[in-house]
Amino acid sequence: NGEKWVVVPEMMECLKVMENEINTFSDGESNDYKQLSDNLLLNIDKLTSNCTMEGKAHDELHKWLLPYIELVNETVEKEKLEEQEEMLLQLKGSFKIFNQYFQ
């Protein structure tokens, strides 16, 4: 139906920071996946502690957020570069989905 769920500004800020981190990392020279994961986990904490959303938008965000957090946690555990690169692609894909359904 093309309808998008609205995310409160404080939370959207954390989400945009994470998306930017992923995109910048993907475009850059850095291979420090540990640092990327740490930054993402920090923003996930910030995001969840600033959660003021409720109702259907909150529930829908939660449906997206749980698998995303799993991906970040999996990224932390990967040691081989090919596996880390695969996780990065999955993280980018996760934000493509996010941007389809949230604003």
PDB file of N, CA and C in Angstrom:
ATOM      1  N   ASN A   1       0.813  -1.217   0.000  1.00  0.00           N
ATOM      2  CA  ASN A   1       0.000   0.000   0.000  1.00  0.00           C
ATOM      3  C   ASN A   1       0.849   1.271   0.000  1.00  0.00           C
ATOM      4  N   GLY A   2       2.146   1.150   0.155  1.00  0.00           N
ATOM      5  CA  GLY A   2       3.035   2.303   0.083  1.00  0.00           C
ATOM      6  C   GLY A   2       3.071   3.152   1.342  1.00  0.00           C
ATOM      7  N   GLU A   3       2.229   2.812   2.324  1.00  0.00           N
ATOM      8  CA  GLU A   3       2.214   3.578   3.568  1.00  0.00           C
ATOM      9  C   GLU A   3       3.508   3.327   4.337  1.00  0.00           C
ATOM     10  N   LYS A   4       4.021   4.388   4.956  1.00  0.00           N
ATOM     11  CA  LYS A   4       5.231   4.234   5.753  1.00  0.00           C
ATOM     12  C   LYS A   4       4.923   4.541   7.209  1.00  0.00           C
ATOM     13  N   TRP A   5       5.566   3.803   8.086  1.00  0.00           N
ATOM     14  CA  TRP A   5       5.427   4.047   9.523  1.00  0.00           C
ATOM     15  C   TRP A   5       6.360   5.178   9.909  1.00  0.00           C
ATOM     16  N   VAL A   6       5.897   6.043  10.800  1.00  0.00           N
ATOM     17  CA  VAL A   6       6.703   7.190  11.223  1.00  0.00           C
ATOM     18  C   VAL A   6       7.490   6.819  12.472  1.00  0.00           C
ATOM     19  N   VAL A   7       8.789   7.084  12.408  1.00  0.00           N
ATOM     20  CA  VAL A   7       9.681   6.830  13.543  1.00  0.00           C
ATOM     21  C   VAL A   7       9.961   8.174  14.213  1.00  0.00           C
ATOM     22  N   VAL A   8       9.875   8.218  15.548  1.00  0.00           N
ATOM     23  CA  VAL A   8      10.119   9.479  16.266  1.00  0.00           C
ATOM     24  C   VAL A   8      11.538   9.978  15.993  1.00  0.00           C
ATOM     25  N   PRO A   9      11.734  11.313  15.932  1.00  0.00           N
ATOM     26  CA  PRO A   9      13.029  11.888  15.526  1.00  0.00           C
ATOM     27  C   PRO A   9      14.237  11.393  16.327  1.00  0.00           C
ATOM     28  N   GLU A  10      14.086  11.237  17.655  1.00  0.00           N
ATOM     29  CA  GLU A  10      15.225  10.791  18.481  1.00  0.00           C
ATOM     30  C   GLU A  10      15.699   9.407  18.062  1.00  0.00           C
ATOM     31  N   MET A  11      14.750   8.568  17.701  1.00  0.00           N
ATOM     32  CA  MET A  11      15.100   7.207  17.292  1.00  0.00           C
ATOM     33  C   MET A  11      15.591   7.184  15.847  1.00  0.00           C
ATOM     34  N   MET A  12      14.963   7.985  15.005  1.00  0.00           N
ATOM     35  CA  MET A  12      15.365   8.037  13.600  1.00  0.00           C
ATOM     36  C   MET A  12      16.813   8.512  13.490  1.00  0.00           C
ATOM     37  N   GLU A  13      17.197   9.424  14.375  1.00  0.00           N
ATOM     38  CA  GLU A  13      18.581   9.923  14.376  1.00  0.00           C
ATOM     39  C   GLU A  13      19.564   8.759  14.570  1.00  0.00           C
ATOM     40  N   CYS A  14      19.303   7.877  15.521  1.00  0.00           N
ATOM     41  CA  CYS A  14      20.167   6.715  15.772  1.00  0.00           C
ATOM     42  C   CYS A  14      20.185   5.789  14.558  1.00  0.00           C
ATOM     43  N   LEU A  15      19.013   5.589  13.957  1.00  0.00           N
ATOM     44  CA  LEU A  15      18.921   4.708  12.790  1.00  0.00           C
ATOM     45  C   LEU A  15      19.696   5.272  11.615  1.00  0.00           C
ATOM     46  N   LYS A  16      19.601   6.590  11.404  1.00  0.00           N
ATOM     47  CA  LYS A  16      20.316   7.220  10.292  1.00  0.00           C
ATOM     48  C   LYS A  16      21.834   7.185  10.534  1.00  0.00           C
ATOM     49  N   VAL A  17      22.243   7.337  11.777  1.00  0.00           N
ATOM     50  CA  VAL A  17      23.669   7.242  12.114  1.00  0.00           C
ATOM     51  C   VAL A  17      24.175   5.837  11.760  1.00  0.00           C
ATOM     52  N   MET A  18      23.402   4.824  12.113  1.00  0.00           N
ATOM     53  CA  MET A  18      23.817   3.439  11.812  1.00  0.00           C
ATOM     54  C   MET A  18      23.862   3.189  10.311  1.00  0.00           C
ATOM     55  N   GLU A  19      22.840   3.662   9.609  1.00  0.00           N
ATOM     56  CA  GLU A  19      22.818   3.466   8.158  1.00  0.00           C
ATOM     57  C   GLU A  19      24.016   4.157   7.516  1.00  0.00           C
ATOM     58  N   ASN A  20      24.310   5.349   7.987  1.00  0.00           N
ATOM     59  CA  ASN A  20      25.450   6.109   7.467  1.00  0.00           C
ATOM     60  C   ASN A  20      26.768   5.392   7.762  1.00  0.00           C
ATOM     61  N   GLU A  21      26.897   4.852   8.965  1.00  0.00           N
ATOM     62  CA  GLU A  21      28.107   4.096   9.351  1.00  0.00           C
ATOM     63  C   GLU A  21      28.309   2.915   8.400  1.00  0.00           C
ATOM     64  N   ILE A  22      27.228   2.200   8.122  1.00  0.00           N
ATOM     65  CA  ILE A  22      27.293   1.019   7.248  1.00  0.00           C
ATOM     66  C   ILE A  22      27.693   1.438   5.836  1.00  0.00           C
ATOM     67  N   ASN A  23      27.039   2.488   5.317  1.00  0.00           N
ATOM     68  CA  ASN A  23      27.333   2.945   3.956  1.00  0.00           C
ATOM     69  C   ASN A  23      28.742   3.512   3.834  1.00  0.00           C
ATOM     70  N   THR A  24      29.162   4.283   4.820  1.00  0.00           N
ATOM     71  CA  THR A  24      30.508   4.864   4.812  1.00  0.00           C
ATOM     72  C   THR A  24      31.549   3.763   4.883  1.00  0.00           C
ATOM     73  N   PHE A  25      31.313   2.795   5.750  1.00  0.00           N
ATOM     74  CA  PHE A  25      32.228   1.660   5.913  1.00  0.00           C
ATOM     75  C   PHE A  25      32.335   0.892   4.597  1.00  0.00           C
ATOM     76  N   SER A  26      31.203   0.680   3.983  1.00  0.00           N
ATOM     77  CA  SER A  26      31.121  -0.069   2.735  1.00  0.00           C
ATOM     78  C   SER A  26      31.885   0.644   1.608  1.00  0.00           C
ATOM     79  N   ASP A  27      31.843   1.961   1.609  1.00  0.00           N
ATOM     80  CA  ASP A  27      32.519   2.755   0.570  1.00  0.00           C
ATOM     81  C   ASP A  27      33.985   3.003   0.878  1.00  0.00           C
ATOM     82  N   GLY A  28      34.364   2.806   2.134  1.00  0.00           N
ATOM     83  CA  GLY A  28      35.688   3.239   2.574  1.00  0.00           C
ATOM     84  C   GLY A  28      36.767   2.190   2.469  1.00  0.00           C
ATOM     85  N   GLU A  29      37.898   2.537   3.029  1.00  0.00           N
ATOM     86  CA  GLU A  29      39.075   1.673   2.992  1.00  0.00           C
ATOM     87  C   GLU A  29      39.160   0.774   4.227  1.00  0.00           C
ATOM     88  N   SER A  30      38.346   1.081   5.233  1.00  0.00           N
ATOM     89  CA  SER A  30      38.468   0.374   6.509  1.00  0.00           C
ATOM     90  C   SER A  30      37.986  -1.065   6.407  1.00  0.00           C
ATOM     91  N   ASN A  31      38.698  -1.953   7.090  1.00  0.00           N
ATOM     92  CA  ASN A  31      38.250  -3.341   7.229  1.00  0.00           C
ATOM     93  C   ASN A  31      38.053  -3.678   8.698  1.00  0.00           C
ATOM     94  N   ASP A  32      37.919  -2.652   9.531  1.00  0.00           N
ATOM     95  CA  ASP A  32      37.785  -2.880  10.964  1.00  0.00           C
ATOM     96  C   ASP A  32      36.324  -3.169  11.319  1.00  0.00           C
ATOM     97  N   TYR A  33      35.938  -4.422  11.076  1.00  0.00           N
ATOM     98  CA  TYR A  33      34.553  -4.817  11.329  1.00  0.00           C
ATOM     99  C   TYR A  33      34.224  -4.770  12.816  1.00  0.00           C
ATOM    100  N   LYS A  34      35.221  -4.984  13.647  1.00  0.00           N
ATOM    101  CA  LYS A  34      34.998  -4.920  15.096  1.00  0.00           C
ATOM    102  C   LYS A  34      34.551  -3.511  15.478  1.00  0.00           C
ATOM    103  N   GLN A  35      35.248  -2.510  14.951  1.00  0.00           N
ATOM    104  CA  GLN A  35      34.898  -1.122  15.236  1.00  0.00           C
ATOM    105  C   GLN A  35      33.495  -0.795  14.712  1.00  0.00           C
ATOM    106  N   LEU A  36      33.194  -1.253  13.511  1.00  0.00           N
ATOM    107  CA  LEU A  36      31.862  -1.032  12.940  1.00  0.00           C
ATOM    108  C   LEU A  36      30.802  -1.652  13.848  1.00  0.00           C
ATOM    109  N   SER A  37      30.994  -2.897  14.228  1.00  0.00           N
ATOM    110  CA  SER A  37      30.024  -3.591  15.090  1.00  0.00           C
ATOM    111  C   SER A  37      29.853  -2.868  16.417  1.00  0.00           C
ATOM    112  N   ASP A  38      30.973  -2.441  17.011  1.00  0.00           N
ATOM    113  CA  ASP A  38      30.908  -1.708  18.287  1.00  0.00           C
ATOM    114  C   ASP A  38      30.079  -0.437  18.126  1.00  0.00           C
ATOM    115  N   ASN A  39      30.309   0.297  17.035  1.00  0.00           N
ATOM    116  CA  ASN A  39      29.563   1.536  16.793  1.00  0.00           C
ATOM    117  C   ASN A  39      28.072   1.246  16.618  1.00  0.00           C
ATOM    118  N   LEU A  40      27.767   0.175  15.892  1.00  0.00           N
ATOM    119  CA  LEU A  40      26.367  -0.178  15.669  1.00  0.00           C
ATOM    120  C   LEU A  40      25.698  -0.596  16.976  1.00  0.00           C
ATOM    121  N   LEU A  41      26.402  -1.396  17.777  1.00  0.00           N
ATOM    122  CA  LEU A  41      25.839  -1.839  19.055  1.00  0.00           C
ATOM    123  C   LEU A  41      25.589  -0.656  19.991  1.00  0.00           C
ATOM    124  N   LEU A  42      26.495   0.305  19.970  1.00  0.00           N
ATOM    125  CA  LEU A  42      26.349   1.521  20.774  1.00  0.00           C
ATOM    126  C   LEU A  42      25.074   2.264  20.370  1.00  0.00           C
ATOM    127  N   ASN A  43      24.851   2.377  19.066  1.00  0.00           N
ATOM    128  CA  ASN A  43      23.662   3.074  18.576  1.00  0.00           C
ATOM    129  C   ASN A  43      22.387   2.279  18.804  1.00  0.00           C
ATOM    130  N   ILE A  44      22.486   0.955  18.788  1.00  0.00           N
ATOM    131  CA  ILE A  44      21.310   0.129  19.109  1.00  0.00           C
ATOM    132  C   ILE A  44      20.906   0.380  20.559  1.00  0.00           C
ATOM    133  N   ASP A  45      21.898   0.439  21.460  1.00  0.00           N
ATOM    134  CA  ASP A  45      21.610   0.737  22.869  1.00  0.00           C
ATOM    135  C   ASP A  45      20.938   2.101  23.006  1.00  0.00           C
ATOM    136  N   LYS A  46      21.493   3.080  22.302  1.00  0.00           N
ATOM    137  CA  LYS A  46      20.954   4.436  22.327  1.00  0.00           C
ATOM    138  C   LYS A  46      19.514   4.434  21.789  1.00  0.00           C
ATOM    139  N   LEU A  47      19.314   3.708  20.709  1.00  0.00           N
ATOM    140  CA  LEU A  47      17.998   3.619  20.074  1.00  0.00           C
ATOM    141  C   LEU A  47      16.970   3.025  21.033  1.00  0.00           C
ATOM    142  N   THR A  48      17.306   1.883  21.625  1.00  0.00           N
ATOM    143  CA  THR A  48      16.343   1.199  22.480  1.00  0.00           C
ATOM    144  C   THR A  48      16.097   1.963  23.783  1.00  0.00           C
ATOM    145  N   SER A  49      17.108   2.659  24.278  1.00  0.00           N
ATOM    146  CA  SER A  49      16.903   3.418  25.516  1.00  0.00           C
ATOM    147  C   SER A  49      16.115   4.704  25.267  1.00  0.00           C
ATOM    148  N   ASN A  50      16.064   5.156  24.008  1.00  0.00           N
ATOM    149  CA  ASN A  50      15.284   6.349  23.672  1.00  0.00           C
ATOM    150  C   ASN A  50      13.920   6.011  23.078  1.00  0.00           C
ATOM    151  N   CYS A  51      13.512   4.761  23.210  1.00  0.00           N
ATOM    152  CA  CYS A  51      12.260   4.338  22.582  1.00  0.00           C
ATOM    153  C   CYS A  51      11.062   4.968  23.271  1.00  0.00           C
ATOM    154  N   THR A  52      10.380   5.846  22.529  1.00  0.00           N
ATOM    155  CA  THR A  52       9.156   6.468  23.048  1.00  0.00           C
ATOM    156  C   THR A  52       7.969   6.122  22.150  1.00  0.00           C
ATOM    157  N   MET A  53       8.208   5.246  21.180  1.00  0.00           N
ATOM    158  CA  MET A  53       7.140   4.898  20.250  1.00  0.00           C
ATOM    159  C   MET A  53       6.180   3.911  20.891  1.00  0.00           C
ATOM    160  N   GLU A  54       4.949   3.940  20.400  1.00  0.00           N
ATOM    161  CA  GLU A  54       3.973   2.956  20.860  1.00  0.00           C
ATOM    162  C   GLU A  54       3.025   2.624  19.725  1.00  0.00           C
ATOM    163  N   GLY A  55       2.178   1.650  19.962  1.00  0.00           N
ATOM    164  CA  GLY A  55       1.183   1.284  18.959  1.00  0.00           C
ATOM    165  C   GLY A  55       1.778   0.506  17.797  1.00  0.00           C
ATOM    166  N   LYS A  56       1.070   0.571  16.676  1.00  0.00           N
ATOM    167  CA  LYS A  56       1.414  -0.233  15.501  1.00  0.00           C
ATOM    168  C   LYS A  56       2.793   0.118  14.938  1.00  0.00           C
ATOM    169  N   ALA A  57       3.143   1.401  14.891  1.00  0.00           N
ATOM    170  CA  ALA A  57       4.450   1.811  14.363  1.00  0.00           C
ATOM    171  C   ALA A  57       5.575   1.190  15.203  1.00  0.00           C
ATOM    172  N   HIS A  58       5.395   1.194  16.523  1.00  0.00           N
ATOM    173  CA  HIS A  58       6.378   0.595  17.421  1.00  0.00           C
ATOM    174  C   HIS A  58       6.509  -0.900  17.141  1.00  0.00           C
ATOM    175  N   ASP A  59       5.371  -1.570  16.989  1.00  0.00           N
ATOM    176  CA  ASP A  59       5.381  -3.018  16.739  1.00  0.00           C
ATOM    177  C   ASP A  59       6.073  -3.342  15.421  1.00  0.00           C
ATOM    178  N   GLU A  60       5.782  -2.546  14.394  1.00  0.00           N
ATOM    179  CA  GLU A  60       6.392  -2.774  13.081  1.00  0.00           C
ATOM    180  C   GLU A  60       7.900  -2.531  13.132  1.00  0.00           C
ATOM    181  N   LEU A  61       8.319  -1.485  13.846  1.00  0.00           N
ATOM    182  CA  LEU A  61       9.751  -1.198  13.981  1.00  0.00           C
ATOM    183  C   LEU A  61      10.437  -2.361  14.692  1.00  0.00           C
ATOM    184  N   HIS A  62       9.766  -2.885  15.712  1.00  0.00           N
ATOM    185  CA  HIS A  62      10.309  -4.007  16.466  1.00  0.00           C
ATOM    186  C   HIS A  62      10.541  -5.215  15.573  1.00  0.00           C
ATOM    187  N   LYS A  63       9.589  -5.476  14.646  1.00  0.00           N
ATOM    188  CA  LYS A  63       9.715  -6.602  13.718  1.00  0.00           C
ATOM    189  C   LYS A  63      10.948  -6.458  12.834  1.00  0.00           C
ATOM    190  N   TRP A  64      11.279  -5.214  12.494  1.00  0.00           N
ATOM    191  CA  TRP A  64      12.480  -4.974  11.679  1.00  0.00           C
ATOM    192  C   TRP A  64      13.733  -5.015  12.552  1.00  0.00           C
ATOM    193  N   LEU A  65      13.624  -4.449  13.748  1.00  0.00           N
ATOM    194  CA  LEU A  65      14.796  -4.253  14.608  1.00  0.00           C
ATOM    195  C   LEU A  65      15.394  -5.558  15.143  1.00  0.00           C
ATOM    196  N   LEU A  66      14.556  -6.494  15.536  1.00  0.00           N
ATOM    197  CA  LEU A  66      15.092  -7.740  16.123  1.00  0.00           C
ATOM    198  C   LEU A  66      16.018  -8.497  15.170  1.00  0.00           C
ATOM    199  N   PRO A  67      15.599  -8.742  13.908  1.00  0.00           N
ATOM    200  CA  PRO A  67      16.536  -9.408  12.980  1.00  0.00           C
ATOM    201  C   PRO A  67      17.781  -8.561  12.694  1.00  0.00           C
ATOM    202  N   TYR A  68      17.621  -7.228  12.690  1.00  0.00           N
ATOM    203  CA  TYR A  68      18.759  -6.340  12.461  1.00  0.00           C
ATOM    204  C   TYR A  68      19.784  -6.487  13.598  1.00  0.00           C
ATOM    205  N   ILE A  69      19.310  -6.513  14.832  1.00  0.00           N
ATOM    206  CA  ILE A  69      20.201  -6.683  15.993  1.00  0.00           C
ATOM    207  C   ILE A  69      20.919  -8.033  15.890  1.00  0.00           C
ATOM    208  N   GLU A  70      20.183  -9.069  15.478  1.00  0.00           N
ATOM    209  CA  GLU A  70      20.798 -10.389  15.267  1.00  0.00           C
ATOM    210  C   GLU A  70      21.946 -10.305  14.260  1.00  0.00           C
ATOM    211  N   LEU A  71      21.708  -9.578  13.161  1.00  0.00           N
ATOM    212  CA  LEU A  71      22.742  -9.416  12.127  1.00  0.00           C
ATOM    213  C   LEU A  71      23.983  -8.739  12.701  1.00  0.00           C
ATOM    214  N   VAL A  72      23.765  -7.685  13.474  1.00  0.00           N
ATOM    215  CA  VAL A  72      24.905  -6.968  14.069  1.00  0.00           C
ATOM    216  C   VAL A  72      25.672  -7.903  14.997  1.00  0.00           C
ATOM    217  N   ASN A  73      24.947  -8.653  15.817  1.00  0.00           N
ATOM    218  CA  ASN A  73      25.598  -9.604  16.728  1.00  0.00           C
ATOM    219  C   ASN A  73      26.359 -10.685  15.968  1.00  0.00           C
ATOM    220  N   GLU A  74      25.785 -11.151  14.857  1.00  0.00           N
ATOM    221  CA  GLU A  74      26.480 -12.143  14.037  1.00  0.00           C
ATOM    222  C   GLU A  74      27.745 -11.554  13.423  1.00  0.00           C
ATOM    223  N   THR A  75      27.667 -10.299  13.018  1.00  0.00           N
ATOM    224  CA  THR A  75      28.818  -9.630  12.410  1.00  0.00           C
ATOM    225  C   THR A  75      29.987  -9.605  13.394  1.00  0.00           C
ATOM    226  N   VAL A  76      29.679  -9.350  14.666  1.00  0.00           N
ATOM    227  CA  VAL A  76      30.702  -9.322  15.719  1.00  0.00           C
ATOM    228  C   VAL A  76      31.442 -10.653  15.774  1.00  0.00           C
ATOM    229  N   GLU A  77      30.702 -11.745  15.573  1.00  0.00           N
ATOM    230  CA  GLU A  77      31.282 -13.087  15.737  1.00  0.00           C
ATOM    231  C   GLU A  77      32.091 -13.563  14.531  1.00  0.00           C
ATOM    232  N   LYS A  78      31.897 -12.956  13.371  1.00  0.00           N
ATOM    233  CA  LYS A  78      32.588 -13.412  12.157  1.00  0.00           C
ATOM    234  C   LYS A  78      34.062 -12.998  12.194  1.00  0.00           C
ATOM    235  N   GLU A  79      34.919 -13.930  11.822  1.00  0.00           N
ATOM    236  CA  GLU A  79      36.353 -13.621  11.831  1.00  0.00           C
ATOM    237  C   GLU A  79      36.948 -13.590  10.432  1.00  0.00           C
ATOM    238  N   LYS A  80      36.344 -14.340   9.511  1.00  0.00           N
ATOM    239  CA  LYS A  80      36.858 -14.356   8.137  1.00  0.00           C
ATOM    240  C   LYS A  80      36.320 -13.152   7.382  1.00  0.00           C
ATOM    241  N   LEU A  81      37.190 -12.537   6.591  1.00  0.00           N
ATOM    242  CA  LEU A  81      36.816 -11.341   5.848  1.00  0.00           C
ATOM    243  C   LEU A  81      35.618 -11.577   4.931  1.00  0.00           C
ATOM    244  N   GLU A  82      35.589 -12.735   4.241  1.00  0.00           N
ATOM    245  CA  GLU A  82      34.471 -13.005   3.323  1.00  0.00           C
ATOM    246  C   GLU A  82      33.151 -13.041   4.094  1.00  0.00           C
ATOM    247  N   GLU A  83      33.182 -13.626   5.292  1.00  0.00           N
ATOM    248  CA  GLU A  83      31.965 -13.703   6.113  1.00  0.00           C
ATOM    249  C   GLU A  83      31.554 -12.319   6.581  1.00  0.00           C
ATOM    250  N   GLN A  84      32.538 -11.501   6.952  1.00  0.00           N
ATOM    251  CA  GLN A  84      32.248 -10.139   7.394  1.00  0.00           C
ATOM    252  C   GLN A  84      31.649  -9.320   6.250  1.00  0.00           C
ATOM    253  N   GLU A  85      32.210  -9.503   5.053  1.00  0.00           N
ATOM    254  CA  GLU A  85      31.696  -8.772   3.896  1.00  0.00           C
ATOM    255  C   GLU A  85      30.262  -9.186   3.586  1.00  0.00           C
ATOM    256  N   GLU A  86      29.971 -10.466   3.739  1.00  0.00           N
ATOM    257  CA  GLU A  86      28.607 -10.973   3.533  1.00  0.00           C
ATOM    258  C   GLU A  86      27.650 -10.335   4.548  1.00  0.00           C
ATOM    259  N   MET A  87      28.094 -10.231   5.788  1.00  0.00           N
ATOM    260  CA  MET A  87      27.263  -9.618   6.831  1.00  0.00           C
ATOM    261  C   MET A  87      27.008  -8.141   6.496  1.00  0.00           C
ATOM    262  N   LEU A  88      28.022  -7.470   5.976  1.00  0.00           N
ATOM    263  CA  LEU A  88      27.867  -6.063   5.605  1.00  0.00           C
ATOM    264  C   LEU A  88      26.783  -5.913   4.532  1.00  0.00           C
ATOM    265  N   LEU A  89      26.789  -6.810   3.555  1.00  0.00           N
ATOM    266  CA  LEU A  89      25.749  -6.792   2.520  1.00  0.00           C
ATOM    267  C   LEU A  89      24.366  -7.007   3.134  1.00  0.00           C
ATOM    268  N   GLN A  90      24.287  -7.907   4.094  1.00  0.00           N
ATOM    269  CA  GLN A  90      23.004  -8.166   4.764  1.00  0.00           C
ATOM    270  C   GLN A  90      22.542  -6.948   5.566  1.00  0.00           C
ATOM    271  N   LEU A  91      23.487  -6.272   6.220  1.00  0.00           N
ATOM    272  CA  LEU A  91      23.144  -5.065   6.980  1.00  0.00           C
ATOM    273  C   LEU A  91      22.624  -3.974   6.044  1.00  0.00           C
ATOM    274  N   LYS A  92      23.292  -3.822   4.900  1.00  0.00           N
ATOM    275  CA  LYS A  92      22.835  -2.838   3.915  1.00  0.00           C
ATOM    276  C   LYS A  92      21.439  -3.194   3.422  1.00  0.00           C
ATOM    277  N   GLY A  93      21.210  -4.480   3.175  1.00  0.00           N
ATOM    278  CA  GLY A  93      19.896  -4.948   2.739  1.00  0.00           C
ATOM    279  C   GLY A  93      18.821  -4.679   3.776  1.00  0.00           C
ATOM    280  N   SER A  94      19.195  -4.818   5.027  1.00  0.00           N
ATOM    281  CA  SER A  94      18.267  -4.564   6.117  1.00  0.00           C
ATOM    282  C   SER A  94      17.802  -3.099   6.086  1.00  0.00           C
ATOM    283  N   PHE A  95      18.725  -2.192   5.812  1.00  0.00           N
ATOM    284  CA  PHE A  95      18.336  -0.772   5.751  1.00  0.00           C
ATOM    285  C   PHE A  95      17.536  -0.446   4.493  1.00  0.00           C
ATOM    286  N   LYS A  96      17.736  -1.201   3.423  1.00  0.00           N
ATOM    287  CA  LYS A  96      16.877  -1.019   2.237  1.00  0.00           C
ATOM    288  C   LYS A  96      15.434  -1.314   2.631  1.00  0.00           C
ATOM    289  N   ILE A  97      15.242  -2.402   3.354  1.00  0.00           N
ATOM    290  CA  ILE A  97      13.905  -2.777   3.829  1.00  0.00           C
ATOM    291  C   ILE A  97      13.374  -1.696   4.775  1.00  0.00           C
ATOM    292  N   PHE A  98      14.214  -1.260   5.707  1.00  0.00           N
ATOM    293  CA  PHE A  98      13.805  -0.223   6.658  1.00  0.00           C
ATOM    294  C   PHE A  98      13.277   1.003   5.908  1.00  0.00           C
ATOM    295  N   ASN A  99      14.024   1.446   4.908  1.00  0.00           N
ATOM    296  CA  ASN A  99      13.653   2.669   4.178  1.00  0.00           C
ATOM    297  C   ASN A  99      12.390   2.499   3.346  1.00  0.00           C
ATOM    298  N   GLN A 100      12.029   1.263   3.028  1.00  0.00           N
ATOM    299  CA  GLN A 100      10.781   1.014   2.297  1.00  0.00           C
ATOM    300  C   GLN A 100       9.565   1.221   3.194  1.00  0.00           C
ATOM    301  N   TYR A 101       9.723   0.915   4.473  1.00  0.00           N
ATOM    302  CA  TYR A 101       8.565   0.865   5.368  1.00  0.00           C
ATOM    303  C   TYR A 101       8.520   1.952   6.444  1.00  0.00           C
ATOM    304  N   PHE A 102       9.625   2.665   6.605  1.00  0.00           N
ATOM    305  CA  PHE A 102       9.671   3.657   7.689  1.00  0.00           C
ATOM    306  C   PHE A 102      10.144   5.004   7.190  1.00  0.00           C
ATOM    307  N   GLN A 103       9.688   6.041   7.888  1.00  0.00           N
ATOM    308  CA  GLN A 103      10.172   7.387   7.572  1.00  0.00           C
ATOM    309  C   GLN A 103      10.365   8.163   8.856  1.00  0.00           C
TER     310      GLN A 103
END
